[in-house]
Amino acid sequence: RLTIDKVRHKQVKRTRGEAERMMRNVLEQCAADTTKKLFTQKCKELSECTSCLSAGDLAGDVGWMKLGKGKFGAQFDAVAFALQVGELSDLVDSDQGQVR
């Protein structure tokens, strides 16, 4: 299955394993960031979702989501709505790909 990065308009060529290693590295960096600004920066840098282009300082923020709407699937909802504000989860597989 061909995956296109909708932000950069090119084919994604990394393997799932490479993507997971990259996201785990970012997750570790964000967990260690006491300023809590790195998460937004990394979302803007790496996201393949066009919402990162217009979200400004809210890139990566999912505060707009409503429980049960299922945009990213039930597994994502279960993890996202169990988090406290500012808390990071482990990587989560969704119908949209890996998200965190």
N, C-alpha and C. Protein backbone atom coordinates (compact mmCIF):
# COMPACT_ATOMS: atom_id res chain seq x y z
N ARG A 1 0.84 -1.19 0.00
CA ARG A 1 0.00 0.00 0.00
C ARG A 1 0.89 1.24 0.00
N LEU A 2 0.63 2.13 -0.92
CA LEU A 2 1.38 3.37 -1.07
C LEU A 2 0.88 4.40 -0.07
N THR A 3 1.80 4.99 0.69
CA THR A 3 1.43 6.03 1.66
C THR A 3 2.02 7.35 1.21
N ILE A 4 1.18 8.38 1.15
CA ILE A 4 1.62 9.71 0.73
C ILE A 4 1.60 10.65 1.94
N ASP A 5 2.69 11.37 2.12
CA ASP A 5 2.77 12.42 3.13
C ASP A 5 2.00 13.61 2.58
N LYS A 6 0.85 13.90 3.18
CA LYS A 6 -0.03 14.96 2.66
C LYS A 6 0.51 16.36 2.91
N VAL A 7 1.47 16.49 3.81
CA VAL A 7 2.07 17.80 4.11
C VAL A 7 3.17 18.11 3.10
N ARG A 8 4.02 17.14 2.84
CA ARG A 8 5.16 17.34 1.96
C ARG A 8 4.90 16.88 0.52
N HIS A 9 3.74 16.27 0.29
CA HIS A 9 3.31 15.82 -1.04
C HIS A 9 4.31 14.87 -1.69
N LYS A 10 4.75 13.88 -0.92
CA LYS A 10 5.64 12.87 -1.50
C LYS A 10 5.38 11.52 -0.83
N GLN A 11 5.85 10.49 -1.48
CA GLN A 11 5.66 9.14 -0.97
C GLN A 11 6.50 8.92 0.28
N VAL A 12 5.90 8.25 1.27
CA VAL A 12 6.62 7.88 2.48
C VAL A 12 7.38 6.60 2.17
N LYS A 13 8.69 6.61 2.36
CA LYS A 13 9.52 5.47 1.97
C LYS A 13 10.10 4.71 3.15
N ARG A 14 9.89 5.18 4.36
CA ARG A 14 10.45 4.47 5.52
C ARG A 14 9.58 3.25 5.83
N THR A 15 10.20 2.29 6.48
CA THR A 15 9.46 1.10 6.89
C THR A 15 8.69 1.40 8.17
N ARG A 16 7.77 0.52 8.50
CA ARG A 16 7.03 0.67 9.76
C ARG A 16 8.00 0.64 10.94
N GLY A 17 8.99 -0.23 10.90
CA GLY A 17 9.99 -0.31 11.97
C GLY A 17 10.78 0.97 12.12
N GLU A 18 11.18 1.56 10.99
CA GLU A 18 11.91 2.83 11.02
C GLU A 18 11.04 3.94 11.59
N ALA A 19 9.77 3.96 11.20
CA ALA A 19 8.84 4.98 11.71
C ALA A 19 8.65 4.81 13.22
N GLU A 20 8.52 3.57 13.67
CA GLU A 20 8.34 3.34 15.10
C GLU A 20 9.57 3.76 15.89
N ARG A 21 10.75 3.43 15.40
CA ARG A 21 11.98 3.86 16.09
C ARG A 21 12.07 5.38 16.16
N MET A 22 11.71 6.05 15.06
CA MET A 22 11.74 7.51 15.03
C MET A 22 10.75 8.08 16.05
N MET A 23 9.55 7.54 16.10
CA MET A 23 8.53 8.05 17.03
C MET A 23 8.89 7.73 18.49
N ARG A 24 9.49 6.59 18.74
CA ARG A 24 9.93 6.27 20.11
C ARG A 24 11.01 7.26 20.56
N ASN A 25 11.92 7.61 19.67
CA ASN A 25 12.96 8.59 19.98
C ASN A 25 12.32 9.94 20.31
N VAL A 26 11.35 10.37 19.50
CA VAL A 26 10.66 11.64 19.73
C VAL A 26 9.90 11.58 21.06
N LEU A 27 9.25 10.47 21.33
CA LEU A 27 8.51 10.31 22.58
C LEU A 27 9.44 10.45 23.79
N GLU A 28 10.62 9.85 23.72
CA GLU A 28 11.60 9.97 24.81
C GLU A 28 12.05 11.43 24.97
N GLN A 29 12.31 12.10 23.86
CA GLN A 29 12.72 13.51 23.92
C GLN A 29 11.63 14.37 24.55
N CYS A 30 10.39 14.13 24.14
CA CYS A 30 9.27 14.93 24.66
C CYS A 30 9.04 14.65 26.15
N ALA A 31 9.20 13.41 26.56
CA ALA A 31 9.01 13.06 27.97
C ALA A 31 10.05 13.76 28.85
N ALA A 32 11.24 13.98 28.30
CA ALA A 32 12.32 14.62 29.06
C ALA A 32 12.26 16.15 29.00
N ASP A 33 11.41 16.70 28.16
CA ASP A 33 11.33 18.15 27.95
C ASP A 33 10.52 18.81 29.06
N THR A 34 11.20 19.53 29.93
CA THR A 34 10.51 20.19 31.05
C THR A 34 9.71 21.42 30.61
N THR A 35 10.03 21.99 29.45
CA THR A 35 9.32 23.18 28.98
C THR A 35 7.98 22.82 28.33
N LYS A 36 7.82 21.56 27.95
CA LYS A 36 6.60 21.06 27.29
C LYS A 36 6.36 21.73 25.94
N LYS A 37 7.41 22.26 25.32
CA LYS A 37 7.28 22.91 24.01
C LYS A 37 7.76 22.02 22.87
N LEU A 38 8.56 21.03 23.18
CA LEU A 38 9.12 20.17 22.14
C LEU A 38 8.06 19.36 21.42
N PHE A 39 7.01 18.95 22.12
CA PHE A 39 5.95 18.14 21.51
C PHE A 39 5.33 18.88 20.33
N THR A 40 4.95 20.14 20.52
CA THR A 40 4.35 20.93 19.44
C THR A 40 5.34 21.10 18.29
N GLN A 41 6.59 21.37 18.62
CA GLN A 41 7.63 21.55 17.61
C GLN A 41 7.78 20.28 16.78
N LYS A 42 7.84 19.14 17.44
CA LYS A 42 8.01 17.86 16.73
C LYS A 42 6.77 17.53 15.89
N CYS A 43 5.59 17.88 16.38
CA CYS A 43 4.37 17.66 15.59
C CYS A 43 4.43 18.45 14.30
N LYS A 44 4.85 19.69 14.39
CA LYS A 44 4.97 20.54 13.19
C LYS A 44 6.02 19.99 12.23
N GLU A 45 7.13 19.51 12.78
CA GLU A 45 8.24 19.00 11.98
C GLU A 45 7.91 17.70 11.27
N LEU A 46 7.24 16.79 11.97
CA LEU A 46 7.13 15.41 11.50
C LEU A 46 5.75 14.96 11.06
N SER A 47 4.72 15.68 11.42
CA SER A 47 3.37 15.23 11.13
C SER A 47 3.13 15.11 9.63
N GLU A 48 2.40 14.08 9.25
CA GLU A 48 1.99 13.90 7.86
C GLU A 48 0.52 14.25 7.69
N CYS A 49 -0.04 14.92 8.68
CA CYS A 49 -1.43 15.35 8.66
C CYS A 49 -1.47 16.85 8.38
N THR A 50 -2.31 17.27 7.48
CA THR A 50 -2.35 18.69 7.10
C THR A 50 -2.79 19.61 8.22
N SER A 51 -3.41 19.08 9.26
CA SER A 51 -3.83 19.95 10.37
C SER A 51 -2.63 20.60 11.06
N CYS A 52 -1.45 20.00 10.96
CA CYS A 52 -0.26 20.59 11.59
C CYS A 52 0.12 21.91 10.93
N LEU A 53 -0.31 22.11 9.69
CA LEU A 53 0.03 23.34 8.98
C LEU A 53 -0.73 24.55 9.49
N SER A 54 -1.92 24.33 10.00
CA SER A 54 -2.76 25.45 10.43
C SER A 54 -2.96 25.52 11.94
N ALA A 55 -2.43 24.57 12.68
CA ALA A 55 -2.71 24.49 14.11
C ALA A 55 -1.86 25.43 14.96
N GLY A 56 -0.79 25.97 14.40
CA GLY A 56 0.06 26.88 15.17
C GLY A 56 0.60 26.22 16.43
N ASP A 57 0.46 26.90 17.56
CA ASP A 57 0.96 26.38 18.83
C ASP A 57 0.14 25.21 19.37
N LEU A 58 -0.95 24.88 18.70
CA LEU A 58 -1.78 23.75 19.13
C LEU A 58 -1.52 22.49 18.31
N ALA A 59 -0.48 22.48 17.48
CA ALA A 59 -0.15 21.29 16.69
C ALA A 59 0.03 20.10 17.63
N GLY A 60 -0.66 19.03 17.34
CA GLY A 60 -0.59 17.83 18.17
C GLY A 60 -1.60 17.79 19.29
N ASP A 61 -2.24 18.92 19.57
CA ASP A 61 -3.24 18.99 20.64
C ASP A 61 -4.51 18.29 20.19
N VAL A 62 -5.05 17.42 21.02
CA VAL A 62 -6.29 16.72 20.67
C VAL A 62 -7.43 17.14 21.60
N GLY A 63 -7.31 18.32 22.19
CA GLY A 63 -8.35 18.82 23.09
C GLY A 63 -9.68 19.07 22.40
N TRP A 64 -9.68 19.15 21.09
CA TRP A 64 -10.89 19.38 20.30
C TRP A 64 -11.71 18.10 20.11
N MET A 65 -11.11 16.95 20.43
CA MET A 65 -11.80 15.68 20.20
C MET A 65 -12.93 15.46 21.19
N LYS A 66 -13.94 14.78 20.75
CA LYS A 66 -15.08 14.43 21.59
C LYS A 66 -15.09 12.92 21.79
N LEU A 67 -15.28 12.49 23.02
CA LEU A 67 -15.32 11.07 23.35
C LEU A 67 -16.42 10.38 22.55
N GLY A 68 -16.05 9.25 21.96
CA GLY A 68 -17.03 8.44 21.24
C GLY A 68 -17.23 8.80 19.78
N LYS A 69 -16.59 9.87 19.32
CA LYS A 69 -16.74 10.25 17.91
C LYS A 69 -15.94 9.31 17.01
N GLY A 70 -14.89 8.69 17.54
CA GLY A 70 -14.17 7.64 16.83
C GLY A 70 -13.40 8.05 15.60
N LYS A 71 -13.00 9.30 15.49
CA LYS A 71 -12.26 9.75 14.31
C LYS A 71 -11.00 8.92 14.08
N PHE A 72 -10.32 8.55 15.15
CA PHE A 72 -9.09 7.76 15.04
C PHE A 72 -9.29 6.32 15.47
N GLY A 73 -10.48 5.95 15.83
CA GLY A 73 -10.77 4.57 16.22
C GLY A 73 -10.91 4.41 17.72
N ALA A 74 -11.54 3.34 18.11
CA ALA A 74 -11.84 3.07 19.52
C ALA A 74 -10.57 2.92 20.36
N GLN A 75 -9.55 2.28 19.80
CA GLN A 75 -8.31 2.08 20.57
C GLN A 75 -7.65 3.42 20.90
N PHE A 76 -7.63 4.33 19.93
CA PHE A 76 -7.07 5.66 20.18
C PHE A 76 -7.89 6.39 21.23
N ASP A 77 -9.21 6.38 21.08
CA ASP A 77 -10.10 7.05 22.05
C ASP A 77 -9.85 6.54 23.46
N ALA A 78 -9.71 5.22 23.60
CA ALA A 78 -9.50 4.63 24.93
C ALA A 78 -8.23 5.17 25.59
N VAL A 79 -7.18 5.33 24.81
CA VAL A 79 -5.92 5.85 25.35
C VAL A 79 -6.01 7.36 25.57
N ALA A 80 -6.46 8.09 24.56
CA ALA A 80 -6.48 9.56 24.62
C ALA A 80 -7.33 10.07 25.77
N PHE A 81 -8.50 9.47 25.99
CA PHE A 81 -9.39 9.98 27.02
C PHE A 81 -9.06 9.48 28.42
N ALA A 82 -8.05 8.64 28.52
CA ALA A 82 -7.57 8.19 29.83
C ALA A 82 -6.42 9.07 30.33
N LEU A 83 -5.87 9.90 29.45
CA LEU A 83 -4.72 10.75 29.80
C LEU A 83 -5.15 12.00 30.56
N GLN A 84 -4.25 12.48 31.40
CA GLN A 84 -4.42 13.78 32.03
C GLN A 84 -3.88 14.84 31.07
N VAL A 85 -4.29 16.09 31.23
CA VAL A 85 -3.79 17.18 30.40
C VAL A 85 -2.27 17.24 30.53
N GLY A 86 -1.59 17.29 29.38
CA GLY A 86 -0.14 17.37 29.37
C GLY A 86 0.57 16.03 29.45
N GLU A 87 -0.16 14.95 29.66
CA GLU A 87 0.43 13.62 29.78
C GLU A 87 0.60 13.01 28.39
N LEU A 88 1.68 12.26 28.20
CA LEU A 88 1.93 11.56 26.94
C LEU A 88 1.64 10.08 27.13
N SER A 89 1.11 9.46 26.09
CA SER A 89 0.92 8.01 26.11
C SER A 89 2.06 7.36 25.35
N ASP A 90 2.08 6.06 25.38
CA ASP A 90 2.97 5.30 24.51
C ASP A 90 2.40 5.44 23.09
N LEU A 91 3.08 4.91 22.10
CA LEU A 91 2.57 4.94 20.74
C LEU A 91 1.28 4.14 20.67
N VAL A 92 0.36 4.58 19.82
CA VAL A 92 -0.94 3.93 19.65
C VAL A 92 -1.17 3.71 18.16
N ASP A 93 -1.50 2.47 17.78
CA ASP A 93 -1.88 2.20 16.40
C ASP A 93 -3.33 2.59 16.20
N SER A 94 -3.61 3.25 15.09
CA SER A 94 -4.99 3.61 14.77
C SER A 94 -5.24 3.32 13.30
N ASP A 95 -6.46 3.49 12.87
CA ASP A 95 -6.78 3.32 11.44
C ASP A 95 -6.05 4.35 10.59
N GLN A 96 -5.63 5.44 11.22
CA GLN A 96 -4.93 6.52 10.51
C GLN A 96 -3.42 6.31 10.50
N GLY A 97 -2.93 5.28 11.18
CA GLY A 97 -1.49 5.05 11.32
C GLY A 97 -1.11 5.18 12.78
N GLN A 98 0.18 5.34 13.05
CA GLN A 98 0.61 5.49 14.43
C GLN A 98 0.46 6.91 14.86
N VAL A 99 -0.12 7.08 16.01
CA VAL A 99 -0.27 8.40 16.60
C VAL A 99 0.18 8.33 18.03
N ARG A 100 0.43 9.49 18.62
CA ARG A 100 0.77 9.51 20.03
C ARG A 100 0.13 10.71 20.66
